[in-house]
């Protein structure tokens, strides 16, 4: 059952720790995301910054995220600049705001750290959508890297178009049936691999694919048309629509809609403290 809007998933203490990781050592960054510090033009934060104009976060008193020596009015984790900027874009502070949708991820297929994730990623996909297939390839690369897999969790959500009577639900039935055998990601990758190679959604070859992957075919044949499998898919779709999903792929970071799914790695890098960033698209959530 959907839980609706949630309390902040990342507490104040955790946010401060995340911030200290983000700005530890005031390591210089390539781009001046906060141009206008004392040594780079008009001083917009009313301190006496002695750092380089590319440091973005080093304030006069040397502190990070607390920056007691300036007149910063932003939250404690904004990097010590006036106005609440975060990772080069003030709008993206929303990903730590705690104002996102609280998805029921209890039984969802997942990758990454489910025990103590610093960032929670939800993505809703349709197995007949080529953009979803490319997004899946992107996510595979991200979660193959321990730098993300140990700190982030990703939950897959089914979002087939139409109704259960439509063929668009069939690949999702196959995936949900495979998930009951603990084999979701294998058939997920195979279905999207087919789509990328053939340029068309998989049709009547789902059972052949399941057999080739070595699934228990008696169990698969029983689960594929079952009410339990259909219910899993329908519950995902209903929750997605409650969260405002109307197209695929649709991504959420800490329950907040990410407008451009292709920005996922950049947003993760920002939240995990690997980089500072301005989205190439120039958009905000």
C-alpha atoms as a PDB file:
ATOM      1  CA  UNK A   1       0.000   0.000   0.000  1.00  0.00           C
ATOM      2  CA  UNK A   2       1.230   3.487  -0.830  1.00  0.00           C
ATOM      3  CA  UNK A   3       2.505   5.520   2.079  1.00  0.00           C
ATOM      4  CA  UNK A   4       2.151   8.941   0.414  1.00  0.00           C
ATOM      5  CA  UNK A   5       4.367  11.866   1.370  1.00  0.00           C
ATOM      6  CA  UNK A   6       6.992  10.857   3.846  1.00  0.00           C
ATOM      7  CA  UNK A   7       9.023  12.285   6.649  1.00  0.00           C
ATOM      8  CA  UNK A   8      12.588  13.197   5.736  1.00  0.00           C
ATOM      9  CA  UNK A   9      14.452  10.023   4.788  1.00  0.00           C
ATOM     10  CA  UNK A  10      17.791  11.736   5.475  1.00  0.00           C
ATOM     11  CA  UNK A  11      17.976  13.293   8.922  1.00  0.00           C
ATOM     12  CA  UNK A  12      19.782  16.509   9.776  1.00  0.00           C
ATOM     13  CA  UNK A  13      22.781  14.670  11.193  1.00  0.00           C
ATOM     14  CA  UNK A  14      23.029  12.424   8.155  1.00  0.00           C
ATOM     15  CA  UNK A  15      22.689  15.417   5.852  1.00  0.00           C
ATOM     16  CA  UNK A  16      25.552  17.147   7.640  1.00  0.00           C
ATOM     17  CA  UNK A  17      27.702  14.034   7.356  1.00  0.00           C
ATOM     18  CA  UNK A  18      26.847  13.790   3.664  1.00  0.00           C
ATOM     19  CA  UNK A  19      27.754  17.432   3.266  1.00  0.00           C
ATOM     20  CA  UNK A  20      31.050  17.053   5.096  1.00  0.00           C
ATOM     21  CA  UNK A  21      31.872  14.259   2.663  1.00  0.00           C
ATOM     22  CA  UNK A  22      30.856  16.481  -0.221  1.00  0.00           C
ATOM     23  CA  UNK A  23      33.049  19.399   0.753  1.00  0.00           C
ATOM     24  CA  UNK A  24      35.793  17.745   2.842  1.00  0.00           C
ATOM     25  CA  UNK A  25      39.127  19.430   2.255  1.00  0.00           C
ATOM     26  CA  UNK A  26      37.659  22.101  -0.012  1.00  0.00           C
ATOM     27  CA  UNK A  27      39.135  20.321  -3.002  1.00  0.00           C
ATOM     28  CA  UNK A  28      39.054  22.592  -6.050  1.00  0.00           C
ATOM     29  CA  UNK A  29      36.567  21.805  -8.764  1.00  0.00           C
ATOM     30  CA  UNK A  30      36.904  22.342 -12.460  1.00  0.00           C
ATOM     31  CA  UNK A  31      34.108  24.844 -12.961  1.00  0.00           C
ATOM     32  CA  UNK A  32      33.288  27.921 -10.880  1.00  0.00           C
ATOM     33  CA  UNK A  33      29.711  27.113  -9.919  1.00  0.00           C
ATOM     34  CA  UNK A  34      29.588  29.996  -7.450  1.00  0.00           C
ATOM     35  CA  UNK A  35      31.278  32.758  -9.412  1.00  0.00           C
ATOM     36  CA  UNK A  36      31.120  36.046  -7.544  1.00  0.00           C
ATOM     37  CA  UNK A  37      33.129  35.218  -4.425  1.00  0.00           C
ATOM     38  CA  UNK A  38      35.438  37.966  -3.206  1.00  0.00           C
ATOM     39  CA  UNK A  39      38.362  37.002  -5.407  1.00  0.00           C
ATOM     40  CA  UNK A  40      36.244  36.264  -8.475  1.00  0.00           C
ATOM     41  CA  UNK A  41      34.033  39.347  -8.721  1.00  0.00           C
ATOM     42  CA  UNK A  42      31.297  40.841  -6.589  1.00  0.00           C
ATOM     43  CA  UNK A  43      31.228  39.165  -3.183  1.00  0.00           C
ATOM     44  CA  UNK A  44      27.715  37.723  -2.994  1.00  0.00           C
ATOM     45  CA  UNK A  45      28.005  35.943   0.335  1.00  0.00           C
ATOM     46  CA  UNK A  46      29.293  38.848   2.434  1.00  0.00           C
ATOM     47  CA  UNK A  47      32.371  37.090   3.803  1.00  0.00           C
ATOM     48  CA  UNK A  48      36.053  37.550   3.090  1.00  0.00           C
ATOM     49  CA  UNK A  49      36.706  34.419   1.146  1.00  0.00           C
ATOM     50  CA  UNK A  50      40.400  33.818   0.631  1.00  0.00           C
ATOM     51  CA  UNK A  51      40.068  30.711  -1.491  1.00  0.00           C
ATOM     52  CA  UNK A  52      40.374  30.497  -5.241  1.00  0.00           C
ATOM     53  CA  UNK A  53      37.348  31.532  -7.238  1.00  0.00           C
ATOM     54  CA  UNK A  54      36.983  27.930  -8.441  1.00  0.00           C
ATOM     55  CA  UNK A  55      36.705  26.396  -5.002  1.00  0.00           C
ATOM     56  CA  UNK A  56      32.986  27.033  -4.734  1.00  0.00           C
ATOM     57  CA  UNK A  57      32.761  26.223  -1.064  1.00  0.00           C
ATOM     58  CA  UNK A  58      35.791  27.447   0.912  1.00  0.00           C
ATOM     59  CA  UNK A  59      34.676  30.358   3.081  1.00  0.00           C
ATOM     60  CA  UNK A  60      36.802  32.718   5.097  1.00  0.00           C
ATOM     61  CA  UNK A  61      36.568  30.878   8.380  1.00  0.00           C
ATOM     62  CA  UNK A  62      37.624  27.614   6.754  1.00  0.00           C
ATOM     63  CA  UNK A  63      34.513  25.726   7.780  1.00  0.00           C
ATOM     64  CA  UNK A  64      32.393  23.691   5.435  1.00  0.00           C
ATOM     65  CA  UNK A  65      28.603  23.631   5.583  1.00  0.00           C
ATOM     66  CA  UNK A  66      28.517  25.583   8.845  1.00  0.00           C
ATOM     67  CA  UNK A  67      30.290  28.677   7.434  1.00  0.00           C
ATOM     68  CA  UNK A  68      29.718  30.740  10.582  1.00  0.00           C
ATOM     69  CA  UNK A  69      31.777  33.565   9.173  1.00  0.00           C
ATOM     70  CA  UNK A  70      29.397  34.635   6.431  1.00  0.00           C
ATOM     71  CA  UNK A  71      25.761  35.607   6.079  1.00  0.00           C
ATOM     72  CA  UNK A  72      24.666  32.434   4.376  1.00  0.00           C
ATOM     73  CA  UNK A  73      20.915  32.001   4.593  1.00  0.00           C
ATOM     74  CA  UNK A  74      20.802  28.546   3.027  1.00  0.00           C
ATOM     75  CA  UNK A  75      20.583  25.234   4.884  1.00  0.00           C
ATOM     76  CA  UNK A  76      23.594  23.726   6.614  1.00  0.00           C
ATOM     77  CA  UNK A  77      24.367  21.356   3.732  1.00  0.00           C
ATOM     78  CA  UNK A  78      24.359  23.855   0.875  1.00  0.00           C
ATOM     79  CA  UNK A  79      28.125  24.324   0.633  1.00  0.00           C
ATOM     80  CA  UNK A  80      28.466  27.612   2.469  1.00  0.00           C
ATOM     81  CA  UNK A  81      27.235  29.998  -0.198  1.00  0.00           C
ATOM     82  CA  UNK A  82      24.429  32.471   0.115  1.00  0.00           C
ATOM     83  CA  UNK A  83      20.962  31.476  -0.974  1.00  0.00           C
ATOM     84  CA  UNK A  84      21.014  27.703  -0.497  1.00  0.00           C
ATOM     85  CA  UNK A  85      22.863  26.555  -3.615  1.00  0.00           C
ATOM     86  CA  UNK A  86      23.618  22.842  -3.826  1.00  0.00           C
ATOM     87  CA  UNK A  87      25.911  21.191  -6.332  1.00  0.00           C
ATOM     88  CA  UNK A  88      25.777  24.236  -8.556  1.00  0.00           C
ATOM     89  CA  UNK A  89      21.997  24.388  -8.839  1.00  0.00           C
ATOM     90  CA  UNK A  90      19.794  25.624  -5.983  1.00  0.00           C
ATOM     91  CA  UNK A  91      16.796  23.703  -7.328  1.00  0.00           C
ATOM     92  CA  UNK A  92      18.488  20.333  -6.791  1.00  0.00           C
ATOM     93  CA  UNK A  93      18.594  20.777  -3.040  1.00  0.00           C
ATOM     94  CA  UNK A  94      15.063  19.353  -3.286  1.00  0.00           C
ATOM     95  CA  UNK A  95      16.554  15.852  -3.497  1.00  0.00           C
ATOM     96  CA  UNK A  96      17.498  16.121   0.185  1.00  0.00           C
ATOM     97  CA  UNK A  97      14.346  17.936   1.235  1.00  0.00           C
ATOM     98  CA  UNK A  98      12.374  14.931   2.437  1.00  0.00           C
ATOM     99  CA  UNK A  99       9.335  16.158   0.491  1.00  0.00           C
ATOM    100  CA  UNK A 100       9.240  13.281  -1.971  1.00  0.00           C
ATOM    101  CA  UNK A 101       6.793  10.443  -2.546  1.00  0.00           C
ATOM    102  CA  UNK A 102       7.238   7.430  -0.275  1.00  0.00           C
ATOM    103  CA  UNK A 103       7.141   4.336  -2.466  1.00  0.00           C
ATOM    104  CA  UNK A 104       6.373   0.901  -1.081  1.00  0.00           C
ATOM    105  CA  UNK A 105       9.584  -0.868  -2.085  1.00  0.00           C
ATOM    106  CA  UNK A 106       9.167  -3.934   0.121  1.00  0.00           C
ATOM    107  CA  UNK A 107       8.981  -6.507  -2.679  1.00  0.00           C
ATOM    108  CA  UNK A 108      10.414  -4.538  -5.595  1.00  0.00           C
ATOM    109  CA  UNK A 109      13.361  -5.914  -7.610  1.00  0.00           C
ATOM    110  CA  UNK A 110      16.410  -3.955  -6.556  1.00  0.00           C
ATOM    111  CA  UNK A 111      20.110  -3.322  -6.995  1.00  0.00           C
ATOM    112  CA  UNK A 112      22.553  -1.801  -4.544  1.00  0.00           C
ATOM    113  CA  UNK A 113      22.483  -1.193  -0.816  1.00  0.00           C
ATOM    114  CA  UNK A 114      19.099  -1.953   0.713  1.00  0.00           C
ATOM    115  CA  UNK A 115      20.370  -1.851   4.297  1.00  0.00           C
ATOM    116  CA  UNK A 116      21.557   1.728   4.718  1.00  0.00           C
ATOM    117  CA  UNK A 117      21.302   3.605   1.407  1.00  0.00           C
ATOM    118  CA  UNK A 118      22.278   7.248   1.262  1.00  0.00           C
ATOM    119  CA  UNK A 119      20.200   7.742  -1.874  1.00  0.00           C
ATOM    120  CA  UNK A 120      17.064   5.869  -2.954  1.00  0.00           C
ATOM    121  CA  UNK A 121      16.352   5.645  -6.678  1.00  0.00           C
ATOM    122  CA  UNK A 122      13.019   4.483  -8.100  1.00  0.00           C
ATOM    123  CA  UNK A 123      12.527   4.017 -11.829  1.00  0.00           C
ATOM    124  CA  UNK A 124       9.362   2.983 -13.657  1.00  0.00           C
ATOM    125  CA  UNK A 125       9.820   1.291 -17.009  1.00  0.00           C
ATOM    126  CA  UNK A 126       7.919  -0.350 -19.837  1.00  0.00           C
ATOM    127  CA  UNK A 127       9.606  -3.320 -21.527  1.00  0.00           C
ATOM    128  CA  UNK A 128       8.518  -2.078 -24.948  1.00  0.00           C
ATOM    129  CA  UNK A 129      10.145   1.347 -24.525  1.00  0.00           C
ATOM    130  CA  UNK A 130      13.514   1.900 -26.215  1.00  0.00           C
ATOM    131  CA  UNK A 131      14.362   4.821 -23.914  1.00  0.00           C
ATOM    132  CA  UNK A 132      13.730   2.483 -20.969  1.00  0.00           C
ATOM    133  CA  UNK A 133      16.166  -0.011 -22.509  1.00  0.00           C
ATOM    134  CA  UNK A 134      18.845   2.683 -22.779  1.00  0.00           C
ATOM    135  CA  UNK A 135      18.102   3.796 -19.220  1.00  0.00           C
ATOM    136  CA  UNK A 136      18.514   0.181 -18.080  1.00  0.00           C
ATOM    137  CA  UNK A 137      21.925   0.049 -19.754  1.00  0.00           C
ATOM    138  CA  UNK A 138      22.890   3.250 -17.958  1.00  0.00           C
ATOM    139  CA  UNK A 139      21.770   1.842 -14.593  1.00  0.00           C
ATOM    140  CA  UNK A 140      23.636  -1.401 -15.202  1.00  0.00           C
ATOM    141  CA  UNK A 141      26.829   0.603 -15.613  1.00  0.00           C
ATOM    142  CA  UNK A 142      26.162   2.678 -12.517  1.00  0.00           C
ATOM    143  CA  UNK A 143      25.471  -0.282 -10.247  1.00  0.00           C
ATOM    144  CA  UNK A 144      28.423  -2.268 -11.565  1.00  0.00           C
ATOM    145  CA  UNK A 145      30.542   0.359  -9.790  1.00  0.00           C
ATOM    146  CA  UNK A 146      30.934  -0.184  -6.018  1.00  0.00           C
ATOM    147  CA  UNK A 147      31.161   3.588  -5.575  1.00  0.00           C
ATOM    148  CA  UNK A 148      27.413   3.645  -6.263  1.00  0.00           C
ATOM    149  CA  UNK A 149      26.316   0.092  -5.441  1.00  0.00           C
ATOM    150  CA  UNK A 150      27.480   0.394  -1.826  1.00  0.00           C
ATOM    151  CA  UNK A 151      25.749   3.741  -1.212  1.00  0.00           C
ATOM    152  CA  UNK A 152      22.635   3.786  -3.402  1.00  0.00           C
ATOM    153  CA  UNK A 153      19.650   1.476  -3.841  1.00  0.00           C
ATOM    154  CA  UNK A 154      17.639   1.245  -7.053  1.00  0.00           C
ATOM    155  CA  UNK A 155      14.109  -0.188  -7.146  1.00  0.00           C
ATOM    156  CA  UNK A 156      12.501  -1.247 -10.428  1.00  0.00           C
ATOM    157  CA  UNK A 157       8.822  -0.454 -11.009  1.00  0.00           C
ATOM    158  CA  UNK A 158       6.576  -1.996 -13.683  1.00  0.00           C
ATOM    159  CA  UNK A 159       4.696   0.451 -15.888  1.00  0.00           C
ATOM    160  CA  UNK A 160       3.185  -1.320 -18.905  1.00  0.00           C
ATOM    161  CA  UNK A 161       0.760   0.661 -21.025  1.00  0.00           C
ATOM    162  CA  UNK A 162      -2.869  -0.297 -21.472  1.00  0.00           C
ATOM    163  CA  UNK A 163      -4.711  -2.910 -19.444  1.00  0.00           C
ATOM    164  CA  UNK A 164      -3.873  -6.473 -18.378  1.00  0.00           C
ATOM    165  CA  UNK A 165      -5.613  -7.716 -21.523  1.00  0.00           C
ATOM    166  CA  UNK A 166      -3.032  -5.950 -23.730  1.00  0.00           C
ATOM    167  CA  UNK A 167       0.105  -7.667 -25.027  1.00  0.00           C
ATOM    168  CA  UNK A 168       2.180  -4.820 -23.551  1.00  0.00           C
ATOM    169  CA  UNK A 169       1.768  -6.536 -20.172  1.00  0.00           C
ATOM    170  CA  UNK A 170       3.279  -9.837 -21.347  1.00  0.00           C
ATOM    171  CA  UNK A 171       6.987  -9.009 -20.901  1.00  0.00           C
ATOM    172  CA  UNK A 172       6.149  -7.664 -17.459  1.00  0.00           C
ATOM    173  CA  UNK A 173       4.334 -10.916 -16.624  1.00  0.00           C
ATOM    174  CA  UNK A 174       7.445 -12.822 -17.670  1.00  0.00           C
ATOM    175  CA  UNK A 175       9.705 -10.620 -15.560  1.00  0.00           C
ATOM    176  CA  UNK A 176       7.432 -10.777 -12.518  1.00  0.00           C
ATOM    177  CA  UNK A 177       7.166 -14.557 -12.889  1.00  0.00           C
ATOM    178  CA  UNK A 178      10.950 -14.837 -13.122  1.00  0.00           C
ATOM    179  CA  UNK A 179      11.255 -12.652 -10.037  1.00  0.00           C
ATOM    180  CA  UNK A 180       9.335 -15.303  -8.075  1.00  0.00           C
ATOM    181  CA  UNK A 181      12.282 -17.597  -8.842  1.00  0.00           C
ATOM    182  CA  UNK A 182      14.840 -14.934  -7.932  1.00  0.00           C
ATOM    183  CA  UNK A 183      15.747 -14.448 -11.604  1.00  0.00           C
ATOM    184  CA  UNK A 184      14.301 -11.023 -12.360  1.00  0.00           C
ATOM    185  CA  UNK A 185      17.454  -9.257 -13.529  1.00  0.00           C
ATOM    186  CA  UNK A 186      18.389 -12.001 -15.974  1.00  0.00           C
ATOM    187  CA  UNK A 187      15.113 -11.811 -17.867  1.00  0.00           C
ATOM    188  CA  UNK A 188      15.012  -8.003 -17.468  1.00  0.00           C
ATOM    189  CA  UNK A 189      18.356  -7.752 -19.253  1.00  0.00           C
ATOM    190  CA  UNK A 190      17.346 -10.282 -21.910  1.00  0.00           C
ATOM    191  CA  UNK A 191      14.051  -8.530 -22.727  1.00  0.00           C
ATOM    192  CA  UNK A 192      15.684  -5.120 -23.023  1.00  0.00           C
ATOM    193  CA  UNK A 193      18.609  -6.653 -24.938  1.00  0.00           C
ATOM    194  CA  UNK A 194      16.133  -8.065 -27.458  1.00  0.00           C
ATOM    195  CA  UNK A 195      14.479  -4.663 -27.812  1.00  0.00           C
ATOM    196  CA  UNK A 196      17.774  -2.901 -28.453  1.00  0.00           C
ATOM    197  CA  UNK A 197      18.892  -5.533 -30.956  1.00  0.00           C
ATOM    198  CA  UNK A 198      15.627  -6.098 -32.837  1.00  0.00           C
ATOM    199  CA  UNK A 199      14.053  -2.668 -32.424  1.00  0.00           C
ATOM    200  CA  UNK A 200      10.722  -4.210 -31.478  1.00  0.00           C
ATOM    201  CA  UNK A 201       9.228  -5.514 -28.216  1.00  0.00           C
ATOM    202  CA  UNK A 202       9.441  -9.213 -27.519  1.00  0.00           C
ATOM    203  CA  UNK A 203       6.266 -11.091 -28.350  1.00  0.00           C
ATOM    204  CA  UNK A 204       5.778 -14.865 -28.367  1.00  0.00           C
ATOM    205  CA  UNK A 205       9.385 -15.698 -27.530  1.00  0.00           C
ATOM    206  CA  UNK A 206       9.082 -15.030 -23.794  1.00  0.00           C
ATOM    207  CA  UNK A 207       8.714 -18.703 -22.858  1.00  0.00           C
ATOM    208  CA  UNK A 208      11.638 -19.669 -25.096  1.00  0.00           C
ATOM    209  CA  UNK A 209      13.716 -16.979 -23.448  1.00  0.00           C
ATOM    210  CA  UNK A 210      12.780 -18.180 -19.965  1.00  0.00           C
ATOM    211  CA  UNK A 211      13.730 -21.724 -20.931  1.00  0.00           C
ATOM    212  CA  UNK A 212      17.043 -20.567 -22.396  1.00  0.00           C
ATOM    213  CA  UNK A 213      17.792 -18.805 -19.123  1.00  0.00           C
ATOM    214  CA  UNK A 214      17.230 -22.034 -17.243  1.00  0.00           C
ATOM    215  CA  UNK A 215      14.108 -21.114 -15.300  1.00  0.00           C
ATOM    216  CA  UNK A 216      11.873 -23.789 -13.854  1.00  0.00           C
ATOM    217  CA  UNK A 217       9.362 -23.876 -16.689  1.00  0.00           C
ATOM    218  CA  UNK A 218       6.569 -25.581 -14.775  1.00  0.00           C
ATOM    219  CA  UNK A 219       6.726 -22.857 -12.156  1.00  0.00           C
ATOM    220  CA  UNK A 220       7.098 -20.139 -14.771  1.00  0.00           C
ATOM    221  CA  UNK A 221       4.096 -21.415 -16.754  1.00  0.00           C
ATOM    222  CA  UNK A 222       1.987 -21.403 -13.588  1.00  0.00           C
ATOM    223  CA  UNK A 223       3.067 -17.948 -12.435  1.00  0.00           C
ATOM    224  CA  UNK A 224       2.962 -16.161 -15.790  1.00  0.00           C
ATOM    225  CA  UNK A 225      -0.860 -15.944 -16.054  1.00  0.00           C
ATOM    226  CA  UNK A 226      -1.467 -15.858 -12.296  1.00  0.00           C
ATOM    227  CA  UNK A 227      -3.440 -13.265 -10.369  1.00  0.00           C
ATOM    228  CA  UNK A 228      -0.424 -12.790  -8.082  1.00  0.00           C
ATOM    229  CA  UNK A 229       1.831 -11.740 -10.953  1.00  0.00           C
ATOM    230  CA  UNK A 230      -0.833  -9.504 -12.442  1.00  0.00           C
ATOM    231  CA  UNK A 231      -1.399  -7.959  -9.028  1.00  0.00           C
ATOM    232  CA  UNK A 232       2.292  -7.150  -8.632  1.00  0.00           C
ATOM    233  CA  UNK A 233       2.352  -5.310 -11.951  1.00  0.00           C
ATOM    234  CA  UNK A 234      -0.950  -3.540 -11.334  1.00  0.00           C
ATOM    235  CA  UNK A 235       0.166  -2.391  -7.874  1.00  0.00           C
ATOM    236  CA  UNK A 236       3.356  -0.871  -9.314  1.00  0.00           C
ATOM    237  CA  UNK A 237       1.416   0.920 -12.021  1.00  0.00           C
ATOM    238  CA  UNK A 238      -1.195   2.243  -9.588  1.00  0.00           C
ATOM    239  CA  UNK A 239       1.462   3.560  -7.221  1.00  0.00           C
ATOM    240  CA  UNK A 240       3.345   5.147 -10.110  1.00  0.00           C
ATOM    241  CA  UNK A 241       0.222   6.941 -11.288  1.00  0.00           C
ATOM    242  CA  UNK A 242      -0.428   8.158  -7.757  1.00  0.00           C
ATOM    243  CA  UNK A 243       3.086   9.624  -7.808  1.00  0.00           C
ATOM    244  CA  UNK A 244       2.331  11.374 -11.114  1.00  0.00           C
ATOM    245  CA  UNK A 245       3.923   8.968 -13.599  1.00  0.00           C
ATOM    246  CA  UNK A 246       2.408   9.194 -17.083  1.00  0.00           C
ATOM    247  CA  UNK A 247       5.309   8.134 -19.324  1.00  0.00           C
ATOM    248  CA  UNK A 248       8.407   5.962 -19.256  1.00  0.00           C
ATOM    249  CA  UNK A 249      11.084   5.912 -18.137  1.00  0.00           C
ATOM    250  CA  UNK A 250      10.290   7.996 -15.053  1.00  0.00           C
ATOM    251  CA  UNK A 251      12.899   8.313 -12.314  1.00  0.00           C
ATOM    252  CA  UNK A 252      12.640   9.495  -8.721  1.00  0.00           C
ATOM    253  CA  UNK A 253      15.563  10.382  -6.452  1.00  0.00           C
ATOM    254  CA  UNK A 254      14.681  10.147  -2.758  1.00  0.00           C
ATOM    255  CA  UNK A 255      11.069  10.200  -3.886  1.00  0.00           C
ATOM    256  CA  UNK A 256      11.446  13.416  -5.914  1.00  0.00           C
ATOM    257  CA  UNK A 257      10.816  13.339  -9.664  1.00  0.00           C
ATOM    258  CA  UNK A 258      13.964  13.659 -11.774  1.00  0.00           C
ATOM    259  CA  UNK A 259      12.918  15.445 -14.959  1.00  0.00           C
ATOM    260  CA  UNK A 260      15.740  14.097 -17.143  1.00  0.00           C
ATOM    261  CA  UNK A 261      16.618  10.463 -16.475  1.00  0.00           C
ATOM    262  CA  UNK A 262      19.882  10.913 -18.359  1.00  0.00           C
ATOM    263  CA  UNK A 263      21.034  13.202 -15.524  1.00  0.00           C
ATOM    264  CA  UNK A 264      20.923  10.289 -13.042  1.00  0.00           C
ATOM    265  CA  UNK A 265      24.661   9.729 -12.670  1.00  0.00           C
ATOM    266  CA  UNK A 266      25.331  13.448 -12.320  1.00  0.00           C
ATOM    267  CA  UNK A 267      22.695  13.792  -9.608  1.00  0.00           C
ATOM    268  CA  UNK A 268      24.103  10.781  -7.754  1.00  0.00           C
ATOM    269  CA  UNK A 269      27.607  12.201  -8.028  1.00  0.00           C
ATOM    270  CA  UNK A 270      26.324  15.434  -6.548  1.00  0.00           C
ATOM    271  CA  UNK A 271      24.453  13.834  -3.649  1.00  0.00           C
ATOM    272  CA  UNK A 272      27.270  11.421  -2.846  1.00  0.00           C
ATOM    273  CA  UNK A 273      29.893  14.142  -2.908  1.00  0.00           C
ATOM    274  CA  UNK A 274      31.856  12.942  -5.930  1.00  0.00           C
ATOM    275  CA  UNK A 275      31.403  16.152  -7.948  1.00  0.00           C
ATOM    276  CA  UNK A 276      29.679  19.470  -8.061  1.00  0.00           C
ATOM    277  CA  UNK A 277      27.413  19.863 -11.021  1.00  0.00           C
ATOM    278  CA  UNK A 278      25.169  21.971 -13.190  1.00  0.00           C
ATOM    279  CA  UNK A 279      22.667  19.949 -15.247  1.00  0.00           C
ATOM    280  CA  UNK A 280      23.399  20.142 -18.959  1.00  0.00           C
ATOM    281  CA  UNK A 281      19.722  20.378 -19.720  1.00  0.00           C
ATOM    282  CA  UNK A 282      19.325  23.536 -17.650  1.00  0.00           C
ATOM    283  CA  UNK A 283      16.127  22.180 -16.180  1.00  0.00           C
ATOM    284  CA  UNK A 284      15.099  21.633 -12.589  1.00  0.00           C
ATOM    285  CA  UNK A 285      12.668  19.279 -10.914  1.00  0.00           C
END
